[in-house]
Amino acid sequence: MAGTDGYGFIEPARGGGQVLVRLSSIDSDVRLRVGERVSYTLSVGSFALEAVAVAPLPDAAESD
């Protein structure tokens, strides 16, 4: 996520263009790290597709 800009971008694992994500689409208790895998739903935003309901995926190491 971009610092305090209120938005950032997600790079889909399957490739393609980046997806806009607004800070308001992430639970306020969650801090995302660069490169962290997340789940999200695509929604039609005012300018382009946006990621909503963004949540971190559990680490593979944590699920063992």
PDB file of N, CA and C in Angstrom:
ATOM      1  N   MET A   1       0.840  -1.181   0.000  1.00  0.00           N
ATOM      2  CA  MET A   1       0.000   0.000   0.000  1.00  0.00           C
ATOM      3  C   MET A   1       0.879   1.236   0.000  1.00  0.00           C
ATOM      4  N   ALA A   2       0.366   2.256  -0.591  1.00  0.00           N
ATOM      5  CA  ALA A   2       1.068   3.541  -0.575  1.00  0.00           C
ATOM      6  C   ALA A   2       0.856   4.176   0.784  1.00  0.00           C
ATOM      7  N   GLY A   3       1.913   4.566   1.443  1.00  0.00           N
ATOM      8  CA  GLY A   3       1.910   5.199   2.755  1.00  0.00           C
ATOM      9  C   GLY A   3       0.589   5.732   3.248  1.00  0.00           C
ATOM     10  N   THR A   4       0.414   7.032   3.266  1.00  0.00           N
ATOM     11  CA  THR A   4      -0.805   7.643   3.788  1.00  0.00           C
ATOM     12  C   THR A   4      -1.670   8.219   2.671  1.00  0.00           C
ATOM     13  N   ASP A   5      -1.432   7.797   1.451  1.00  0.00           N
ATOM     14  CA  ASP A   5      -2.183   8.329   0.312  1.00  0.00           C
ATOM     15  C   ASP A   5      -3.643   7.909   0.304  1.00  0.00           C
ATOM     16  N   GLY A   6      -3.966   6.830   1.006  1.00  0.00           N
ATOM     17  CA  GLY A   6      -5.336   6.347   1.016  1.00  0.00           C
ATOM     18  C   GLY A   6      -5.618   5.333  -0.065  1.00  0.00           C
ATOM     19  N   TYR A   7      -4.616   4.988  -0.850  1.00  0.00           N
ATOM     20  CA  TYR A   7      -4.800   3.977  -1.888  1.00  0.00           C
ATOM     21  C   TYR A   7      -3.459   3.335  -2.219  1.00  0.00           C
ATOM     22  N   GLY A   8      -3.539   2.243  -2.936  1.00  0.00           N
ATOM     23  CA  GLY A   8      -2.347   1.535  -3.392  1.00  0.00           C
ATOM     24  C   GLY A   8      -2.764   0.626  -4.527  1.00  0.00           C
ATOM     25  N   PHE A   9      -1.931  -0.319  -4.845  1.00  0.00           N
ATOM     26  CA  PHE A   9      -2.220  -1.205  -5.959  1.00  0.00           C
ATOM     27  C   PHE A   9      -1.879  -2.639  -5.603  1.00  0.00           C
ATOM     28  N   ILE A  10      -2.651  -3.561  -6.145  1.00  0.00           N
ATOM     29  CA  ILE A  10      -2.422  -4.990  -6.000  1.00  0.00           C
ATOM     30  C   ILE A  10      -1.999  -5.501  -7.363  1.00  0.00           C
ATOM     31  N   GLU A  11      -0.969  -6.324  -7.389  1.00  0.00           N
ATOM     32  CA  GLU A  11      -0.537  -6.964  -8.621  1.00  0.00           C
ATOM     33  C   GLU A  11      -1.065  -8.394  -8.602  1.00  0.00           C
ATOM     34  N   PRO A  12      -2.042  -8.706  -9.458  1.00  0.00           N
ATOM     35  CA  PRO A  12      -2.628 -10.042  -9.454  1.00  0.00           C
ATOM     36  C   PRO A  12      -1.588 -11.126  -9.726  1.00  0.00           C
ATOM     37  N   ALA A  13      -1.688 -12.246  -9.028  1.00  0.00           N
ATOM     38  CA  ALA A  13      -0.754 -13.362  -9.188  1.00  0.00           C
ATOM     39  C   ALA A  13      -0.818 -13.943 -10.599  1.00  0.00           C
ATOM     40  N   ARG A  14      -1.964 -13.834 -11.237  1.00  0.00           N
ATOM     41  CA  ARG A  14      -2.133 -14.386 -12.592  1.00  0.00           C
ATOM     42  C   ARG A  14      -1.640 -13.437 -13.674  1.00  0.00           C
ATOM     43  N   GLY A  15      -1.103 -12.299 -13.258  1.00  0.00           N
ATOM     44  CA  GLY A  15      -0.615 -11.331 -14.227  1.00  0.00           C
ATOM     45  C   GLY A  15      -1.694 -10.330 -14.589  1.00  0.00           C
ATOM     46  N   GLY A  16      -1.412  -9.547 -15.604  1.00  0.00           N
ATOM     47  CA  GLY A  16      -2.340  -8.499 -15.993  1.00  0.00           C
ATOM     48  C   GLY A  16      -1.967  -7.203 -15.299  1.00  0.00           C
ATOM     49  N   GLY A  17      -2.788  -6.229 -15.442  1.00  0.00           N
ATOM     50  CA  GLY A  17      -2.506  -4.924 -14.860  1.00  0.00           C
ATOM     51  C   GLY A  17      -2.761  -4.876 -13.362  1.00  0.00           C
ATOM     52  N   GLN A  18      -2.230  -3.859 -12.743  1.00  0.00           N
ATOM     53  CA  GLN A  18      -2.438  -3.662 -11.316  1.00  0.00           C
ATOM     54  C   GLN A  18      -3.883  -3.257 -11.047  1.00  0.00           C
ATOM     55  N   VAL A  19      -4.342  -3.573  -9.842  1.00  0.00           N
ATOM     56  CA  VAL A  19      -5.716  -3.275  -9.440  1.00  0.00           C
ATOM     57  C   VAL A  19      -5.665  -2.248  -8.318  1.00  0.00           C
ATOM     58  N   LEU A  20      -6.452  -1.199  -8.443  1.00  0.00           N
ATOM     59  CA  LEU A  20      -6.536  -0.162  -7.429  1.00  0.00           C
ATOM     60  C   LEU A  20      -7.168  -0.713  -6.160  1.00  0.00           C
ATOM     61  N   VAL A  21      -6.610  -0.368  -5.010  1.00  0.00           N
ATOM     62  CA  VAL A  21      -7.227  -0.711  -3.730  1.00  0.00           C
ATOM     63  C   VAL A  21      -7.200   0.527  -2.849  1.00  0.00           C
ATOM     64  N   ARG A  22      -8.354   0.873  -2.325  1.00  0.00           N
ATOM     65  CA  ARG A  22      -8.459   2.036  -1.443  1.00  0.00           C
ATOM     66  C   ARG A  22      -8.293   1.571  -0.001  1.00  0.00           C
ATOM     67  N   LEU A  23      -7.684   2.392   0.805  1.00  0.00           N
ATOM     68  CA  LEU A  23      -7.454   2.068   2.201  1.00  0.00           C
ATOM     69  C   LEU A  23      -8.755   1.683   2.904  1.00  0.00           C
ATOM     70  N   SER A  24      -9.843   2.292   2.502  1.00  0.00           N
ATOM     71  CA  SER A  24     -11.142   2.001   3.113  1.00  0.00           C
ATOM     72  C   SER A  24     -11.632   0.582   2.809  1.00  0.00           C
ATOM     73  N   SER A  25     -10.986  -0.123   1.860  1.00  0.00           N
ATOM     74  CA  SER A  25     -11.376  -1.485   1.509  1.00  0.00           C
ATOM     75  C   SER A  25     -10.651  -2.535   2.341  1.00  0.00           C
ATOM     76  N   ILE A  26      -9.807  -2.064   3.276  1.00  0.00           N
ATOM     77  CA  ILE A  26      -9.026  -2.962   4.119  1.00  0.00           C
ATOM     78  C   ILE A  26      -9.442  -2.743   5.566  1.00  0.00           C
ATOM     79  N   ASP A  27      -9.654  -3.827   6.291  1.00  0.00           N
ATOM     80  CA  ASP A  27     -10.020  -3.742   7.707  1.00  0.00           C
ATOM     81  C   ASP A  27      -8.997  -2.882   8.440  1.00  0.00           C
ATOM     82  N   SER A  28      -9.455  -1.981   9.279  1.00  0.00           N
ATOM     83  CA  SER A  28      -8.556  -1.047   9.962  1.00  0.00           C
ATOM     84  C   SER A  28      -7.575  -1.736  10.901  1.00  0.00           C
ATOM     85  N   ASP A  29      -7.847  -2.976  11.299  1.00  0.00           N
ATOM     86  CA  ASP A  29      -6.941  -3.722  12.176  1.00  0.00           C
ATOM     87  C   ASP A  29      -5.823  -4.418  11.405  1.00  0.00           C
ATOM     88  N   VAL A  30      -5.871  -4.379  10.086  1.00  0.00           N
ATOM     89  CA  VAL A  30      -4.923  -5.115   9.246  1.00  0.00           C
ATOM     90  C   VAL A  30      -3.852  -4.188   8.703  1.00  0.00           C
ATOM     91  N   ARG A  31      -2.593  -4.623   8.808  1.00  0.00           N
ATOM     92  CA  ARG A  31      -1.473  -3.906   8.172  1.00  0.00           C
ATOM     93  C   ARG A  31      -0.887  -4.837   7.125  1.00  0.00           C
ATOM     94  N   LEU A  32      -0.905  -4.398   5.884  1.00  0.00           N
ATOM     95  CA  LEU A  32      -0.368  -5.213   4.799  1.00  0.00           C
ATOM     96  C   LEU A  32       1.080  -4.840   4.529  1.00  0.00           C
ATOM     97  N   ARG A  33       1.868  -5.843   4.141  1.00  0.00           N
ATOM     98  CA  ARG A  33       3.270  -5.635   3.788  1.00  0.00           C
ATOM     99  C   ARG A  33       3.419  -5.742   2.269  1.00  0.00           C
ATOM    100  N   VAL A  34       4.403  -5.066   1.729  1.00  0.00           N
ATOM    101  CA  VAL A  34       4.705  -5.161   0.300  1.00  0.00           C
ATOM    102  C   VAL A  34       4.995  -6.615  -0.017  1.00  0.00           C
ATOM    103  N   GLY A  35       4.364  -7.133  -1.051  1.00  0.00           N
ATOM    104  CA  GLY A  35       4.584  -8.510  -1.477  1.00  0.00           C
ATOM    105  C   GLY A  35       3.696  -9.525  -0.774  1.00  0.00           C
ATOM    106  N   GLU A  36       2.932  -9.089   0.213  1.00  0.00           N
ATOM    107  CA  GLU A  36       2.052 -10.014   0.934  1.00  0.00           C
ATOM    108  C   GLU A  36       0.905 -10.448   0.026  1.00  0.00           C
ATOM    109  N   ARG A  37       0.571 -11.727   0.087  1.00  0.00           N
ATOM    110  CA  ARG A  37      -0.541 -12.249  -0.710  1.00  0.00           C
ATOM    111  C   ARG A  37      -1.854 -11.916  -0.020  1.00  0.00           C
ATOM    112  N   VAL A  38      -2.834 -11.497  -0.808  1.00  0.00           N
ATOM    113  CA  VAL A  38      -4.144 -11.120  -0.271  1.00  0.00           C
ATOM    114  C   VAL A  38      -5.255 -11.731  -1.118  1.00  0.00           C
ATOM    115  N   SER A  39      -6.419 -11.824  -0.515  1.00  0.00           N
ATOM    116  CA  SER A  39      -7.620 -12.165  -1.274  1.00  0.00           C
ATOM    117  C   SER A  39      -8.419 -10.876  -1.430  1.00  0.00           C
ATOM    118  N   TYR A  40      -9.192 -10.796  -2.481  1.00  0.00           N
ATOM    119  CA  TYR A  40     -10.003  -9.605  -2.722  1.00  0.00           C
ATOM    120  C   TYR A  40     -11.082  -9.919  -3.731  1.00  0.00           C
ATOM    121  N   THR A  41     -12.058  -9.052  -3.805  1.00  0.00           N
ATOM    122  CA  THR A  41     -13.129  -9.139  -4.783  1.00  0.00           C
ATOM    123  C   THR A  41     -13.012  -7.916  -5.679  1.00  0.00           C
ATOM    124  N   LEU A  42     -13.223  -8.106  -6.962  1.00  0.00           N
ATOM    125  CA  LEU A  42     -13.188  -6.970  -7.890  1.00  0.00           C
ATOM    126  C   LEU A  42     -14.554  -6.297  -7.949  1.00  0.00           C
ATOM    127  N   SER A  43     -14.535  -4.992  -8.002  1.00  0.00           N
ATOM    128  CA  SER A  43     -15.748  -4.196  -8.084  1.00  0.00           C
ATOM    129  C   SER A  43     -15.518  -3.069  -9.087  1.00  0.00           C
ATOM    130  N   VAL A  44     -16.559  -2.636  -9.749  1.00  0.00           N
ATOM    131  CA  VAL A  44     -16.448  -1.523 -10.683  1.00  0.00           C
ATOM    132  C   VAL A  44     -16.398  -0.232  -9.876  1.00  0.00           C
ATOM    133  N   GLY A  45     -15.277   0.482  -9.984  1.00  0.00           N
ATOM    134  CA  GLY A  45     -15.115   1.750  -9.281  1.00  0.00           C
ATOM    135  C   GLY A  45     -15.444   2.911 -10.190  1.00  0.00           C
ATOM    136  N   SER A  46     -15.185   4.118  -9.729  1.00  0.00           N
ATOM    137  CA  SER A  46     -15.512   5.304 -10.515  1.00  0.00           C
ATOM    138  C   SER A  46     -14.580   5.485 -11.710  1.00  0.00           C
ATOM    139  N   PHE A  47     -13.356   4.951 -11.633  1.00  0.00           N
ATOM    140  CA  PHE A  47     -12.407   5.099 -12.734  1.00  0.00           C
ATOM    141  C   PHE A  47     -12.001   3.780 -13.368  1.00  0.00           C
ATOM    142  N   ALA A  48     -12.008   2.715 -12.590  1.00  0.00           N
ATOM    143  CA  ALA A  48     -11.533   1.415 -13.078  1.00  0.00           C
ATOM    144  C   ALA A  48     -11.993   0.341 -12.103  1.00  0.00           C
ATOM    145  N   LEU A  49     -11.593  -0.889 -12.375  1.00  0.00           N
ATOM    146  CA  LEU A  49     -11.864  -1.953 -11.417  1.00  0.00           C
ATOM    147  C   LEU A  49     -11.088  -1.689 -10.139  1.00  0.00           C
ATOM    148  N   GLU A  50     -11.709  -1.973  -9.011  1.00  0.00           N
ATOM    149  CA  GLU A  50     -11.079  -1.767  -7.709  1.00  0.00           C
ATOM    150  C   GLU A  50     -11.185  -3.045  -6.900  1.00  0.00           C
ATOM    151  N   ALA A  51     -10.205  -3.272  -6.049  1.00  0.00           N
ATOM    152  CA  ALA A  51     -10.248  -4.395  -5.124  1.00  0.00           C
ATOM    153  C   ALA A  51     -11.026  -3.972  -3.888  1.00  0.00           C
ATOM    154  N   VAL A  52     -11.963  -4.806  -3.451  1.00  0.00           N
ATOM    155  CA  VAL A  52     -12.714  -4.555  -2.222  1.00  0.00           C
ATOM    156  C   VAL A  52     -12.639  -5.819  -1.362  1.00  0.00           C
ATOM    157  N   ALA A  53     -13.014  -5.705  -0.122  1.00  0.00           N
ATOM    158  CA  ALA A  53     -12.973  -6.834   0.825  1.00  0.00           C
ATOM    159  C   ALA A  53     -11.577  -7.467   0.819  1.00  0.00           C
ATOM    160  N   VAL A  54     -10.559  -6.633   0.946  1.00  0.00           N
ATOM    161  CA  VAL A  54      -9.168  -7.092   0.894  1.00  0.00           C
ATOM    162  C   VAL A  54      -8.776  -7.686   2.239  1.00  0.00           C
ATOM    163  N   ALA A  55      -8.192  -8.884   2.207  1.00  0.00           N
ATOM    164  CA  ALA A  55      -7.767  -9.560   3.439  1.00  0.00           C
ATOM    165  C   ALA A  55      -6.480 -10.334   3.153  1.00  0.00           C
ATOM    166  N   PRO A  56      -5.558 -10.362   4.097  1.00  0.00           N
ATOM    167  CA  PRO A  56      -4.325 -11.130   3.885  1.00  0.00           C
ATOM    168  C   PRO A  56      -4.621 -12.624   3.870  1.00  0.00           C
ATOM    169  N   LEU A  57      -3.876 -13.362   3.056  1.00  0.00           N
ATOM    170  CA  LEU A  57      -3.981 -14.812   3.043  1.00  0.00           C
ATOM    171  C   LEU A  57      -3.049 -15.357   4.122  1.00  0.00           C
ATOM    172  N   PRO A  58      -3.423 -16.469   4.742  1.00  0.00           N
ATOM    173  CA  PRO A  58      -2.528 -17.035   5.759  1.00  0.00           C
ATOM    174  C   PRO A  58      -1.224 -17.498   5.124  1.00  0.00           C
ATOM    175  N   ASP A  59      -0.116 -17.338   5.854  1.00  0.00           N
ATOM    176  CA  ASP A  59       1.178 -17.825   5.396  1.00  0.00           C
ATOM    177  C   ASP A  59       1.136 -19.338   5.299  1.00  0.00           C
ATOM    178  N   ALA A  60       1.816 -19.880   4.292  1.00  0.00           N
ATOM    179  CA  ALA A  60       1.898 -21.341   4.158  1.00  0.00           C
ATOM    180  C   ALA A  60       2.542 -21.942   5.400  1.00  0.00           C
ATOM    181  N   ALA A  61       3.528 -21.253   5.981  1.00  0.00           N
ATOM    182  CA  ALA A  61       4.233 -21.749   7.154  1.00  0.00           C
ATOM    183  C   ALA A  61       3.300 -21.797   8.374  1.00  0.00           C
ATOM    184  N   GLU A  62       2.343 -20.867   8.451  1.00  0.00           N
ATOM    185  CA  GLU A  62       1.434 -20.821   9.586  1.00  0.00           C
ATOM    186  C   GLU A  62       0.394 -21.927   9.535  1.00  0.00           C
ATOM    187  N   SER A  63       0.098 -22.451   8.328  1.00  0.00           N
ATOM    188  CA  SER A  63      -0.949 -23.446   8.195  1.00  0.00           C
ATOM    189  C   SER A  63      -0.456 -24.855   8.448  1.00  0.00           C
ATOM    190  N   ASP A  64       0.839 -25.055   8.647  1.00  0.00           N
ATOM    191  CA  ASP A  64       1.382 -26.392   8.921  1.00  0.00           C
ATOM    192  C   ASP A  64       1.144 -26.813  10.345  1.00  0.00           C
TER     193      ASP A  64
END
